[in-house]
Amino acid sequence: MLDSGHEEIIGYAERVTRDAENDPISKAVSLYYAVRDGIWYDPYYPFYLPEHYRASNVLRSGRGFCISKAALLCALGRACNIPSRVGFATVRNHIATKQLIEFMGSDLFVYHGFTEFYLNGKW
């Protein structure tokens, strides 16, 4: 899933961090904004097949939901030699639409995906 060695992942990571200072924090910030702003958040993105979570597929499709976007960000971090991991939590979504809450059956998002970078000795 975290195919950080995939040529498209490496190429995208290099392009996104090209103007960042040559330190892990600057690169991590650039990667974060690239995924947050450049990959459309789609809570209805398919999730029933393993390839729906593969970072290179998420990058290629240009959209994903929290877990698939977390996989992409994690793979990009690893492509930049930043130790990265995916985490999961239950969160209350205060900005969810009525339609999404009805679809999910709650404003609690169970198994919400996020990415952590290991920077300055801390996750």
PDB file of N, CA and C in Angstrom:
ATOM      1  N   MET A   1       0.818  -1.195   0.000  1.00  0.00           N
ATOM      2  CA  MET A   1       0.000   0.000   0.000  1.00  0.00           C
ATOM      3  C   MET A   1       0.864   1.261   0.000  1.00  0.00           C
ATOM      4  N   LEU A   2       1.902   1.237   0.780  1.00  0.00           N
ATOM      5  CA  LEU A   2       2.786   2.403   0.898  1.00  0.00           C
ATOM      6  C   LEU A   2       3.948   2.236  -0.074  1.00  0.00           C
ATOM      7  N   ASP A   3       3.643   2.298  -1.350  1.00  0.00           N
ATOM      8  CA  ASP A   3       4.647   2.029  -2.383  1.00  0.00           C
ATOM      9  C   ASP A   3       5.545   3.249  -2.621  1.00  0.00           C
ATOM     10  N   SER A   4       6.310   3.571  -1.587  1.00  0.00           N
ATOM     11  CA  SER A   4       7.172   4.759  -1.618  1.00  0.00           C
ATOM     12  C   SER A   4       8.281   4.666  -2.653  1.00  0.00           C
ATOM     13  N   GLY A   5       8.575   3.479  -3.143  1.00  0.00           N
ATOM     14  CA  GLY A   5       9.589   3.317  -4.175  1.00  0.00           C
ATOM     15  C   GLY A   5       9.036   3.413  -5.586  1.00  0.00           C
ATOM     16  N   HIS A   6       7.739   3.612  -5.718  1.00  0.00           N
ATOM     17  CA  HIS A   6       7.111   3.721  -7.035  1.00  0.00           C
ATOM     18  C   HIS A   6       7.596   5.001  -7.718  1.00  0.00           C
ATOM     19  N   GLU A   7       7.900   4.912  -9.002  1.00  0.00           N
ATOM     20  CA  GLU A   7       8.481   6.058  -9.721  1.00  0.00           C
ATOM     21  C   GLU A   7       7.581   7.292  -9.690  1.00  0.00           C
ATOM     22  N   GLU A   8       6.263   7.111  -9.731  1.00  0.00           N
ATOM     23  CA  GLU A   8       5.366   8.274  -9.677  1.00  0.00           C
ATOM     24  C   GLU A   8       5.390   8.927  -8.297  1.00  0.00           C
ATOM     25  N   ILE A   9       5.494   8.130  -7.252  1.00  0.00           N
ATOM     26  CA  ILE A   9       5.573   8.659  -5.886  1.00  0.00           C
ATOM     27  C   ILE A   9       6.880   9.425  -5.712  1.00  0.00           C
ATOM     28  N   ILE A  10       7.979   8.834  -6.143  1.00  0.00           N
ATOM     29  CA  ILE A  10       9.286   9.499  -6.026  1.00  0.00           C
ATOM     30  C   ILE A  10       9.291  10.797  -6.823  1.00  0.00           C
ATOM     31  N   GLY A  11       8.800  10.759  -8.043  1.00  0.00           N
ATOM     32  CA  GLY A  11       8.779  11.952  -8.883  1.00  0.00           C
ATOM     33  C   GLY A  11       7.929  13.060  -8.295  1.00  0.00           C
ATOM     34  N   TYR A  12       6.752  12.709  -7.778  1.00  0.00           N
ATOM     35  CA  TYR A  12       5.874  13.708  -7.177  1.00  0.00           C
ATOM     36  C   TYR A  12       6.517  14.297  -5.927  1.00  0.00           C
ATOM     37  N   ALA A  13       7.104  13.448  -5.098  1.00  0.00           N
ATOM     38  CA  ALA A  13       7.775  13.928  -3.882  1.00  0.00           C
ATOM     39  C   ALA A  13       8.901  14.892  -4.237  1.00  0.00           C
ATOM     40  N   GLU A  14       9.662  14.572  -5.262  1.00  0.00           N
ATOM     41  CA  GLU A  14      10.755  15.461  -5.685  1.00  0.00           C
ATOM     42  C   GLU A  14      10.213  16.795  -6.184  1.00  0.00           C
ATOM     43  N   ARG A  15       9.149  16.769  -6.975  1.00  0.00           N
ATOM     44  CA  ARG A  15       8.574  18.019  -7.499  1.00  0.00           C
ATOM     45  C   ARG A  15       8.017  18.884  -6.377  1.00  0.00           C
ATOM     46  N   VAL A  16       7.298  18.256  -5.455  1.00  0.00           N
ATOM     47  CA  VAL A  16       6.645  18.993  -4.375  1.00  0.00           C
ATOM     48  C   VAL A  16       7.661  19.625  -3.429  1.00  0.00           C
ATOM     49  N   THR A  17       8.777  18.948  -3.210  1.00  0.00           N
ATOM     50  CA  THR A  17       9.769  19.446  -2.240  1.00  0.00           C
ATOM     51  C   THR A  17      10.916  20.202  -2.900  1.00  0.00           C
ATOM     52  N   ARG A  18      10.845  20.400  -4.203  1.00  0.00           N
ATOM     53  CA  ARG A  18      11.935  21.056  -4.938  1.00  0.00           C
ATOM     54  C   ARG A  18      12.301  22.420  -4.338  1.00  0.00           C
ATOM     55  N   ASP A  19      11.300  23.204  -3.953  1.00  0.00           N
ATOM     56  CA  ASP A  19      11.559  24.546  -3.430  1.00  0.00           C
ATOM     57  C   ASP A  19      11.663  24.591  -1.909  1.00  0.00           C
ATOM     58  N   ALA A  20      11.501  23.455  -1.257  1.00  0.00           N
ATOM     59  CA  ALA A  20      11.612  23.404   0.207  1.00  0.00           C
ATOM     60  C   ALA A  20      13.083  23.463   0.604  1.00  0.00           C
ATOM     61  N   GLU A  21      13.323  23.998   1.788  1.00  0.00           N
ATOM     62  CA  GLU A  21      14.684  23.958   2.311  1.00  0.00           C
ATOM     63  C   GLU A  21      15.090  22.500   2.453  1.00  0.00           C
ATOM     64  N   ASN A  22      16.362  22.252   2.451  1.00  0.00           N
ATOM     65  CA  ASN A  22      16.850  20.870   2.482  1.00  0.00           C
ATOM     66  C   ASN A  22      16.882  20.321   3.908  1.00  0.00           C
ATOM     67  N   ASP A  23      15.713  20.309   4.543  1.00  0.00           N
ATOM     68  CA  ASP A  23      15.600  19.706   5.870  1.00  0.00           C
ATOM     69  C   ASP A  23      14.268  18.967   5.940  1.00  0.00           C
ATOM     70  N   PRO A  24      14.194  17.942   6.769  1.00  0.00           N
ATOM     71  CA  PRO A  24      12.986  17.111   6.817  1.00  0.00           C
ATOM     72  C   PRO A  24      11.708  17.873   7.177  1.00  0.00           C
ATOM     73  N   ILE A  25      11.783  18.851   8.058  1.00  0.00           N
ATOM     74  CA  ILE A  25      10.570  19.574   8.456  1.00  0.00           C
ATOM     75  C   ILE A  25      10.001  20.358   7.281  1.00  0.00           C
ATOM     76  N   SER A  26      10.837  21.083   6.569  1.00  0.00           N
ATOM     77  CA  SER A  26      10.364  21.840   5.402  1.00  0.00           C
ATOM     78  C   SER A  26       9.773  20.915   4.351  1.00  0.00           C
ATOM     79  N   LYS A  27      10.411  19.786   4.143  1.00  0.00           N
ATOM     80  CA  LYS A  27       9.891  18.822   3.171  1.00  0.00           C
ATOM     81  C   LYS A  27       8.556  18.248   3.636  1.00  0.00           C
ATOM     82  N   ALA A  28       8.450  17.911   4.914  1.00  0.00           N
ATOM     83  CA  ALA A  28       7.204  17.359   5.449  1.00  0.00           C
ATOM     84  C   ALA A  28       6.056  18.356   5.298  1.00  0.00           C
ATOM     85  N   VAL A  29       6.324  19.621   5.559  1.00  0.00           N
ATOM     86  CA  VAL A  29       5.295  20.655   5.414  1.00  0.00           C
ATOM     87  C   VAL A  29       4.856  20.758   3.955  1.00  0.00           C
ATOM     88  N   SER A  30       5.803  20.755   3.039  1.00  0.00           N
ATOM     89  CA  SER A  30       5.467  20.815   1.609  1.00  0.00           C
ATOM     90  C   SER A  30       4.630  19.615   1.182  1.00  0.00           C
ATOM     91  N   LEU A  31       4.999  18.438   1.655  1.00  0.00           N
ATOM     92  CA  LEU A  31       4.240  17.233   1.318  1.00  0.00           C
ATOM     93  C   LEU A  31       2.825  17.300   1.886  1.00  0.00           C
ATOM     94  N   TYR A  32       2.719  17.754   3.130  1.00  0.00           N
ATOM     95  CA  TYR A  32       1.407  17.861   3.773  1.00  0.00           C
ATOM     96  C   TYR A  32       0.469  18.742   2.954  1.00  0.00           C
ATOM     97  N   TYR A  33       0.937  19.943   2.604  1.00  0.00           N
ATOM     98  CA  TYR A  33       0.083  20.861   1.844  1.00  0.00           C
ATOM     99  C   TYR A  33      -0.234  20.317   0.455  1.00  0.00           C
ATOM    100  N   ALA A  34       0.700  19.626  -0.153  1.00  0.00           N
ATOM    101  CA  ALA A  34       0.459  19.056  -1.481  1.00  0.00           C
ATOM    102  C   ALA A  34      -0.674  18.035  -1.438  1.00  0.00           C
ATOM    103  N   VAL A  35      -0.681  17.186  -0.414  1.00  0.00           N
ATOM    104  CA  VAL A  35      -1.737  16.178  -0.303  1.00  0.00           C
ATOM    105  C   VAL A  35      -3.035  16.826   0.168  1.00  0.00           C
ATOM    106  N   ARG A  36      -2.957  17.706   1.142  1.00  0.00           N
ATOM    107  CA  ARG A  36      -4.172  18.352   1.647  1.00  0.00           C
ATOM    108  C   ARG A  36      -4.881  19.143   0.553  1.00  0.00           C
ATOM    109  N   ASP A  37      -4.105  19.936  -0.187  1.00  0.00           N
ATOM    110  CA  ASP A  37      -4.703  20.846  -1.154  1.00  0.00           C
ATOM    111  C   ASP A  37      -4.757  20.297  -2.577  1.00  0.00           C
ATOM    112  N   GLY A  38      -3.895  19.350  -2.891  1.00  0.00           N
ATOM    113  CA  GLY A  38      -3.800  18.870  -4.262  1.00  0.00           C
ATOM    114  C   GLY A  38      -4.532  17.574  -4.548  1.00  0.00           C
ATOM    115  N   ILE A  39      -4.930  16.871  -3.504  1.00  0.00           N
ATOM    116  CA  ILE A  39      -5.670  15.619  -3.667  1.00  0.00           C
ATOM    117  C   ILE A  39      -7.061  15.849  -3.086  1.00  0.00           C
ATOM    118  N   TRP A  40      -8.059  15.754  -3.931  1.00  0.00           N
ATOM    119  CA  TRP A  40      -9.427  16.045  -3.532  1.00  0.00           C
ATOM    120  C   TRP A  40      -9.890  15.068  -2.458  1.00  0.00           C
ATOM    121  N   TYR A  41     -10.429  15.613  -1.355  1.00  0.00           N
ATOM    122  CA  TYR A  41     -10.994  14.770  -0.300  1.00  0.00           C
ATOM    123  C   TYR A  41     -12.366  14.293  -0.753  1.00  0.00           C
ATOM    124  N   ASP A  42     -12.507  12.999  -0.930  1.00  0.00           N
ATOM    125  CA  ASP A  42     -13.746  12.406  -1.419  1.00  0.00           C
ATOM    126  C   ASP A  42     -14.162  11.286  -0.465  1.00  0.00           C
ATOM    127  N   PRO A  43     -15.093  11.574   0.466  1.00  0.00           N
ATOM    128  CA  PRO A  43     -15.495  10.548   1.429  1.00  0.00           C
ATOM    129  C   PRO A  43     -16.235   9.376   0.790  1.00  0.00           C
ATOM    130  N   TYR A  44     -16.592   9.507  -0.473  1.00  0.00           N
ATOM    131  CA  TYR A  44     -17.275   8.423  -1.183  1.00  0.00           C
ATOM    132  C   TYR A  44     -16.316   7.653  -2.088  1.00  0.00           C
ATOM    133  N   TYR A  45     -15.031   7.933  -1.952  1.00  0.00           N
ATOM    134  CA  TYR A  45     -14.001   7.234  -2.720  1.00  0.00           C
ATOM    135  C   TYR A  45     -14.082   5.735  -2.416  1.00  0.00           C
ATOM    136  N   PRO A  46     -13.934   4.873  -3.430  1.00  0.00           N
ATOM    137  CA  PRO A  46     -14.020   3.426  -3.178  1.00  0.00           C
ATOM    138  C   PRO A  46     -13.002   2.957  -2.128  1.00  0.00           C
ATOM    139  N   PHE A  47     -13.399   1.963  -1.357  1.00  0.00           N
ATOM    140  CA  PHE A  47     -12.512   1.467  -0.304  1.00  0.00           C
ATOM    141  C   PHE A  47     -12.562  -0.047  -0.151  1.00  0.00           C
ATOM    142  N   TYR A  48     -13.163  -0.754  -1.087  1.00  0.00           N
ATOM    143  CA  TYR A  48     -13.386  -2.186  -0.923  1.00  0.00           C
ATOM    144  C   TYR A  48     -12.297  -3.070  -1.515  1.00  0.00           C
ATOM    145  N   LEU A  49     -11.327  -2.507  -2.227  1.00  0.00           N
ATOM    146  CA  LEU A  49     -10.234  -3.296  -2.791  1.00  0.00           C
ATOM    147  C   LEU A  49      -8.894  -2.772  -2.286  1.00  0.00           C
ATOM    148  N   PRO A  50      -7.919  -3.626  -2.130  1.00  0.00           N
ATOM    149  CA  PRO A  50      -6.605  -3.171  -1.652  1.00  0.00           C
ATOM    150  C   PRO A  50      -6.002  -2.050  -2.500  1.00  0.00           C
ATOM    151  N   GLU A  51      -6.202  -2.093  -3.811  1.00  0.00           N
ATOM    152  CA  GLU A  51      -5.594  -1.051  -4.650  1.00  0.00           C
ATOM    153  C   GLU A  51      -6.193   0.333  -4.406  1.00  0.00           C
ATOM    154  N   HIS A  52      -7.351   0.409  -3.768  1.00  0.00           N
ATOM    155  CA  HIS A  52      -7.928   1.709  -3.438  1.00  0.00           C
ATOM    156  C   HIS A  52      -7.088   2.444  -2.392  1.00  0.00           C
ATOM    157  N   TYR A  53      -6.247   1.715  -1.693  1.00  0.00           N
ATOM    158  CA  TYR A  53      -5.403   2.299  -0.654  1.00  0.00           C
ATOM    159  C   TYR A  53      -3.962   2.497  -1.114  1.00  0.00           C
ATOM    160  N   ARG A  54      -3.599   1.952  -2.264  1.00  0.00           N
ATOM    161  CA  ARG A  54      -2.219   2.029  -2.746  1.00  0.00           C
ATOM    162  C   ARG A  54      -1.889   3.477  -3.086  1.00  0.00           C
ATOM    163  N   ALA A  55      -0.810   3.981  -2.508  1.00  0.00           N
ATOM    164  CA  ALA A  55      -0.452   5.391  -2.637  1.00  0.00           C
ATOM    165  C   ALA A  55      -0.354   5.836  -4.092  1.00  0.00           C
ATOM    166  N   SER A  56       0.283   5.048  -4.931  1.00  0.00           N
ATOM    167  CA  SER A  56       0.437   5.446  -6.336  1.00  0.00           C
ATOM    168  C   SER A  56      -0.917   5.542  -7.038  1.00  0.00           C
ATOM    169  N   ASN A  57      -1.869   4.706  -6.681  1.00  0.00           N
ATOM    170  CA  ASN A  57      -3.211   4.795  -7.268  1.00  0.00           C
ATOM    171  C   ASN A  57      -3.948   6.038  -6.791  1.00  0.00           C
ATOM    172  N   VAL A  58      -3.780   6.373  -5.519  1.00  0.00           N
ATOM    173  CA  VAL A  58      -4.409   7.583  -4.980  1.00  0.00           C
ATOM    174  C   VAL A  58      -3.832   8.809  -5.687  1.00  0.00           C
ATOM    175  N   LEU A  59      -2.523   8.843  -5.845  1.00  0.00           N
ATOM    176  CA  LEU A  59      -1.882   9.958  -6.540  1.00  0.00           C
ATOM    177  C   LEU A  59      -2.409  10.064  -7.968  1.00  0.00           C
ATOM    178  N   ARG A  60      -2.477   8.961  -8.652  1.00  0.00           N
ATOM    179  CA  ARG A  60      -2.923   8.936 -10.047  1.00  0.00           C
ATOM    180  C   ARG A  60      -4.377   9.397 -10.167  1.00  0.00           C
ATOM    181  N   SER A  61      -5.227   8.987  -9.217  1.00  0.00           N
ATOM    182  CA  SER A  61      -6.648   9.355  -9.296  1.00  0.00           C
ATOM    183  C   SER A  61      -6.891  10.801  -8.875  1.00  0.00           C
ATOM    184  N   GLY A  62      -5.991  11.351  -8.051  1.00  0.00           N
ATOM    185  CA  GLY A  62      -6.148  12.732  -7.605  1.00  0.00           C
ATOM    186  C   GLY A  62      -7.229  12.927  -6.565  1.00  0.00           C
ATOM    187  N   ARG A  63      -7.672  11.835  -5.959  1.00  0.00           N
ATOM    188  CA  ARG A  63      -8.708  11.936  -4.929  1.00  0.00           C
ATOM    189  C   ARG A  63      -8.589  10.768  -3.962  1.00  0.00           C
ATOM    190  N   GLY A  64      -9.184  10.937  -2.804  1.00  0.00           N
ATOM    191  CA  GLY A  64      -9.174   9.884  -1.810  1.00  0.00           C
ATOM    192  C   GLY A  64      -9.852  10.355  -0.544  1.00  0.00           C
ATOM    193  N   PHE A  65     -10.029   9.453   0.382  1.00  0.00           N
ATOM    194  CA  PHE A  65     -10.579   9.814   1.688  1.00  0.00           C
ATOM    195  C   PHE A  65      -9.454   9.725   2.705  1.00  0.00           C
ATOM    196  N   CYS A  66      -9.760   9.852   3.968  1.00  0.00           N
ATOM    197  CA  CYS A  66      -8.713  10.019   4.978  1.00  0.00           C
ATOM    198  C   CYS A  66      -7.668   8.906   4.952  1.00  0.00           C
ATOM    199  N   ILE A  67      -8.080   7.661   4.854  1.00  0.00           N
ATOM    200  CA  ILE A  67      -7.110   6.561   4.920  1.00  0.00           C
ATOM    201  C   ILE A  67      -6.248   6.520   3.667  1.00  0.00           C
ATOM    202  N   SER A  68      -6.860   6.677   2.518  1.00  0.00           N
ATOM    203  CA  SER A  68      -6.079   6.637   1.279  1.00  0.00           C
ATOM    204  C   SER A  68      -5.157   7.848   1.164  1.00  0.00           C
ATOM    205  N   LYS A  69      -5.614   9.016   1.608  1.00  0.00           N
ATOM    206  CA  LYS A  69      -4.738  10.193   1.597  1.00  0.00           C
ATOM    207  C   LYS A  69      -3.609  10.032   2.616  1.00  0.00           C
ATOM    208  N   ALA A  70      -3.889   9.396   3.749  1.00  0.00           N
ATOM    209  CA  ALA A  70      -2.839   9.132   4.737  1.00  0.00           C
ATOM    210  C   ALA A  70      -1.793   8.185   4.166  1.00  0.00           C
ATOM    211  N   ALA A  71      -2.234   7.177   3.425  1.00  0.00           N
ATOM    212  CA  ALA A  71      -1.292   6.251   2.787  1.00  0.00           C
ATOM    213  C   ALA A  71      -0.401   6.997   1.802  1.00  0.00           C
ATOM    214  N   LEU A  72      -0.996   7.895   1.031  1.00  0.00           N
ATOM    215  CA  LEU A  72      -0.215   8.679   0.070  1.00  0.00           C
ATOM    216  C   LEU A  72       0.800   9.559   0.785  1.00  0.00           C
ATOM    217  N   LEU A  73       0.374  10.301   1.797  1.00  0.00           N
ATOM    218  CA  LEU A  73       1.292  11.185   2.508  1.00  0.00           C
ATOM    219  C   LEU A  73       2.415  10.394   3.167  1.00  0.00           C
ATOM    220  N   CYS A  74       2.101   9.258   3.728  1.00  0.00           N
ATOM    221  CA  CYS A  74       3.113   8.405   4.350  1.00  0.00           C
ATOM    222  C   CYS A  74       4.129   7.940   3.312  1.00  0.00           C
ATOM    223  N   ALA A  75       3.659   7.482   2.163  1.00  0.00           N
ATOM    224  CA  ALA A  75       4.568   7.024   1.104  1.00  0.00           C
ATOM    225  C   ALA A  75       5.447   8.165   0.601  1.00  0.00           C
ATOM    226  N   LEU A  76       4.875   9.354   0.466  1.00  0.00           N
ATOM    227  CA  LEU A  76       5.665  10.508   0.023  1.00  0.00           C
ATOM    228  C   LEU A  76       6.745  10.850   1.046  1.00  0.00           C
ATOM    229  N   GLY A  77       6.391  10.803   2.331  1.00  0.00           N
ATOM    230  CA  GLY A  77       7.388  11.051   3.368  1.00  0.00           C
ATOM    231  C   GLY A  77       8.527  10.057   3.291  1.00  0.00           C
ATOM    232  N   ARG A  78       8.191   8.792   3.145  1.00  0.00           N
ATOM    233  CA  ARG A  78       9.224   7.762   3.045  1.00  0.00           C
ATOM    234  C   ARG A  78      10.065   7.945   1.788  1.00  0.00           C
ATOM    235  N   ALA A  79       9.446   8.401   0.697  1.00  0.00           N
ATOM    236  CA  ALA A  79      10.205   8.653  -0.531  1.00  0.00           C
ATOM    237  C   ALA A  79      11.232   9.761  -0.326  1.00  0.00           C
ATOM    238  N   CYS A  80      10.974  10.630   0.652  1.00  0.00           N
ATOM    239  CA  CYS A  80      11.913  11.710   0.996  1.00  0.00           C
ATOM    240  C   CYS A  80      12.804  11.324   2.172  1.00  0.00           C
ATOM    241  N   ASN A  81      12.823  10.055   2.518  1.00  0.00           N
ATOM    242  CA  ASN A  81      13.626   9.540   3.638  1.00  0.00           C
ATOM    243  C   ASN A  81      13.214  10.120   4.986  1.00  0.00           C
ATOM    244  N   ILE A  82      11.944  10.461   5.118  1.00  0.00           N
ATOM    245  CA  ILE A  82      11.396  10.903   6.396  1.00  0.00           C
ATOM    246  C   ILE A  82      10.643   9.705   6.982  1.00  0.00           C
ATOM    247  N   PRO A  83      11.044   9.202   8.149  1.00  0.00           N
ATOM    248  CA  PRO A  83      10.290   8.101   8.747  1.00  0.00           C
ATOM    249  C   PRO A  83       8.822   8.511   8.902  1.00  0.00           C
ATOM    250  N   SER A  84       7.923   7.681   8.416  1.00  0.00           N
ATOM    251  CA  SER A  84       6.503   8.019   8.370  1.00  0.00           C
ATOM    252  C   SER A  84       5.678   6.790   8.697  1.00  0.00           C
ATOM    253  N   ARG A  85       4.515   7.036   9.320  1.00  0.00           N
ATOM    254  CA  ARG A  85       3.605   5.936   9.618  1.00  0.00           C
ATOM    255  C   ARG A  85       2.164   6.429   9.538  1.00  0.00           C
ATOM    256  N   VAL A  86       1.266   5.490   9.309  1.00  0.00           N
ATOM    257  CA  VAL A  86      -0.164   5.776   9.281  1.00  0.00           C
ATOM    258  C   VAL A  86      -0.735   5.417  10.639  1.00  0.00           C
ATOM    259  N   GLY A  87      -1.622   6.260  11.140  1.00  0.00           N
ATOM    260  CA  GLY A  87      -2.310   6.002  12.398  1.00  0.00           C
ATOM    261  C   GLY A  87      -3.817   6.057  12.190  1.00  0.00           C
ATOM    262  N   PHE A  88      -4.538   5.577  13.184  1.00  0.00           N
ATOM    263  CA  PHE A  88      -5.997   5.548  13.101  1.00  0.00           C
ATOM    264  C   PHE A  88      -6.584   6.020  14.424  1.00  0.00           C
ATOM    265  N   ALA A  89      -7.715   6.714  14.349  1.00  0.00           N
ATOM    266  CA  ALA A  89      -8.372   7.229  15.546  1.00  0.00           C
ATOM    267  C   ALA A  89      -9.864   7.370  15.269  1.00  0.00           C
ATOM    268  N   THR A  90     -10.629   7.482  16.329  1.00  0.00           N
ATOM    269  CA  THR A  90     -12.038   7.830  16.214  1.00  0.00           C
ATOM    270  C   THR A  90     -12.152   9.322  16.466  1.00  0.00           C
ATOM    271  N   VAL A  91     -12.750  10.031  15.527  1.00  0.00           N
ATOM    272  CA  VAL A  91     -12.879  11.485  15.650  1.00  0.00           C
ATOM    273  C   VAL A  91     -14.322  11.892  15.389  1.00  0.00           C
ATOM    274  N   ARG A  92     -14.720  12.988  15.998  1.00  0.00           N
ATOM    275  CA  ARG A  92     -16.033  13.577  15.733  1.00  0.00           C
ATOM    276  C   ARG A  92     -15.830  14.618  14.637  1.00  0.00           C
ATOM    277  N   ASN A  93     -16.554  14.444  13.548  1.00  0.00           N
ATOM    278  CA  ASN A  93     -16.413  15.350  12.413  1.00  0.00           C
ATOM    279  C   ASN A  93     -17.415  16.490  12.562  1.00  0.00           C
ATOM    280  N   HIS A  94     -16.918  17.651  12.959  1.00  0.00           N
ATOM    281  CA  HIS A  94     -17.775  18.811  13.198  1.00  0.00           C
ATOM    282  C   HIS A  94     -18.142  19.544  11.917  1.00  0.00           C
ATOM    283  N   ILE A  95     -17.510  19.208  10.814  1.00  0.00           N
ATOM    284  CA  ILE A  95     -17.790  19.915   9.563  1.00  0.00           C
ATOM    285  C   ILE A  95     -18.424  19.006   8.508  1.00  0.00           C
ATOM    286  N   ALA A  96     -18.836  17.820   8.901  1.00  0.00           N
ATOM    287  CA  ALA A  96     -19.458  16.893   7.953  1.00  0.00           C
ATOM    288  C   ALA A  96     -20.803  17.439   7.483  1.00  0.00           C
ATOM    289  N   THR A  97     -21.117  17.176   6.237  1.00  0.00           N
ATOM    290  CA  THR A  97     -22.416  17.574   5.707  1.00  0.00           C
ATOM    291  C   THR A  97     -23.498  16.648   6.253  1.00  0.00           C
ATOM    292  N   LYS A  98     -24.734  17.121   6.193  1.00  0.00           N
ATOM    293  CA  LYS A  98     -25.863  16.295   6.630  1.00  0.00           C
ATOM    294  C   LYS A  98     -25.901  15.003   5.813  1.00  0.00           C
ATOM    295  N   GLN A  99     -25.645  15.114   4.523  1.00  0.00           N
ATOM    296  CA  GLN A  99     -25.649  13.943   3.636  1.00  0.00           C
ATOM    297  C   GLN A  99     -24.605  12.916   4.078  1.00  0.00           C
ATOM    298  N   LEU A 100     -23.401  13.384   4.432  1.00  0.00           N
ATOM    299  CA  LEU A 100     -22.346  12.463   4.852  1.00  0.00           C
ATOM    300  C   LEU A 100     -22.684  11.817   6.196  1.00  0.00           C
ATOM    301  N   ILE A 101     -23.227  12.597   7.122  1.00  0.00           N
ATOM    302  CA  ILE A 101     -23.611  12.043   8.427  1.00  0.00           C
ATOM    303  C   ILE A 101     -24.691  10.975   8.250  1.00  0.00           C
ATOM    304  N   GLU A 102     -25.653  11.235   7.370  1.00  0.00           N
ATOM    305  CA  GLU A 102     -26.687  10.230   7.098  1.00  0.00           C
ATOM    306  C   GLU A 102     -26.079   8.983   6.465  1.00  0.00           C
ATOM    307  N   PHE A 103     -25.146   9.170   5.553  1.00  0.00           N
ATOM    308  CA  PHE A 103     -24.481   8.047   4.885  1.00  0.00           C
ATOM    309  C   PHE A 103     -23.692   7.207   5.887  1.00  0.00           C
ATOM    310  N   MET A 104     -22.975   7.891   6.806  1.00  0.00           N
ATOM    311  CA  MET A 104     -22.138   7.211   7.794  1.00  0.00           C
ATOM    312  C   MET A 104     -22.957   6.708   8.986  1.00  0.00           C
ATOM    313  N   GLY A 105     -24.117   7.321   9.215  1.00  0.00           N
ATOM    314  CA  GLY A 105     -24.944   6.938  10.352  1.00  0.00           C
ATOM    315  C   GLY A 105     -24.526   7.611  11.644  1.00  0.00           C
ATOM    316  N   SER A 106     -23.558   8.538  11.572  1.00  0.00           N
ATOM    317  CA  SER A 106     -23.036   9.210  12.768  1.00  0.00           C
ATOM    318  C   SER A 106     -22.075  10.307  12.338  1.00  0.00           C
ATOM    319  N   ASP A 107     -21.803  11.228  13.265  1.00  0.00           N
ATOM    320  CA  ASP A 107     -20.735  12.192  12.990  1.00  0.00           C
ATOM    321  C   ASP A 107     -19.408  11.704  13.574  1.00  0.00           C
ATOM    322  N   LEU A 108     -19.404  10.476  14.122  1.00  0.00           N
ATOM    323  CA  LEU A 108     -18.164   9.855  14.585  1.00  0.00           C
ATOM    324  C   LEU A 108     -17.533   9.097  13.425  1.00  0.00           C
ATOM    325  N   PHE A 109     -16.315   9.429  13.137  1.00  0.00           N
ATOM    326  CA  PHE A 109     -15.580   8.722  12.093  1.00  0.00           C
ATOM    327  C   PHE A 109     -14.659   7.729  12.785  1.00  0.00           C
ATOM    328  N   VAL A 110     -15.034   6.479  12.724  1.00  0.00           N
ATOM    329  CA  VAL A 110     -14.254   5.408  13.331  1.00  0.00           C
ATOM    330  C   VAL A 110     -13.202   4.975  12.320  1.00  0.00           C
ATOM    331  N   TYR A 111     -12.000   4.752  12.798  1.00  0.00           N
ATOM    332  CA  TYR A 111     -10.893   4.343  11.940  1.00  0.00           C
ATOM    333  C   TYR A 111     -10.504   5.462  10.974  1.00  0.00           C
ATOM    334  N   HIS A 112     -10.510   6.696  11.472  1.00  0.00           N
ATOM    335  CA  HIS A 112     -10.055   7.850  10.690  1.00  0.00           C
ATOM    336  C   HIS A 112      -8.538   7.738  10.500  1.00  0.00           C
ATOM    337  N   GLY A 113      -8.075   7.861   9.274  1.00  0.00           N
ATOM    338  CA  GLY A 113      -6.650   7.721   8.974  1.00  0.00           C
ATOM    339  C   GLY A 113      -5.911   9.043   9.022  1.00  0.00           C
ATOM    340  N   PHE A 114      -4.692   8.996   9.517  1.00  0.00           N
ATOM    341  CA  PHE A 114      -3.815  10.169   9.538  1.00  0.00           C
ATOM    342  C   PHE A 114      -2.378   9.697   9.394  1.00  0.00           C
ATOM    343  N   THR A 115      -1.485  10.626   9.133  1.00  0.00           N
ATOM    344  CA  THR A 115      -0.062  10.311   8.959  1.00  0.00           C
ATOM    345  C   THR A 115       0.753  11.008  10.027  1.00  0.00           C
ATOM    346  N   GLU A 116       1.769  10.325  10.513  1.00  0.00           N
ATOM    347  CA  GLU A 116       2.742  10.924  11.427  1.00  0.00           C
ATOM    348  C   GLU A 116       4.123  10.839  10.794  1.00  0.00           C
ATOM    349  N   PHE A 117       4.871  11.919  10.945  1.00  0.00           N
ATOM    350  CA  PHE A 117       6.274  11.954  10.537  1.00  0.00           C
ATOM    351  C   PHE A 117       7.134  11.927  11.794  1.00  0.00           C
ATOM    352  N   TYR A 118       8.278  11.284  11.714  1.00  0.00           N
ATOM    353  CA  TYR A 118       9.234  11.281  12.816  1.00  0.00           C
ATOM    354  C   TYR A 118      10.222  12.414  12.551  1.00  0.00           C
ATOM    355  N   LEU A 119      10.067  13.511  13.300  1.00  0.00           N
ATOM    356  CA  LEU A 119      10.875  14.713  13.101  1.00  0.00           C
ATOM    357  C   LEU A 119      11.454  15.168  14.435  1.00  0.00           C
ATOM    358  N   ASN A 120      12.703  15.512  14.429  1.00  0.00           N
ATOM    359  CA  ASN A 120      13.385  15.981  15.644  1.00  0.00           C
ATOM    360  C   ASN A 120      13.218  15.014  16.814  1.00  0.00           C
ATOM    361  N   GLY A 121      13.263  13.720  16.520  1.00  0.00           N
ATOM    362  CA  GLY A 121      13.203  12.708  17.563  1.00  0.00           C
ATOM    363  C   GLY A 121      11.828  12.440  18.130  1.00  0.00           C
ATOM    364  N   LYS A 122      10.774  12.938  17.470  1.00  0.00           N
ATOM    365  CA  LYS A 122       9.412  12.750  17.981  1.00  0.00           C
ATOM    366  C   LYS A 122       8.469  12.399  16.842  1.00  0.00           C
ATOM    367  N   TRP A 123       7.465  11.592  17.178  1.00  0.00           N
ATOM    368  CA  TRP A 123       6.393  11.313  16.228  1.00  0.00           C
ATOM    369  C   TRP A 123       5.374  12.410  16.349  1.00  0.00           C
TER     370      TRP A 123
END
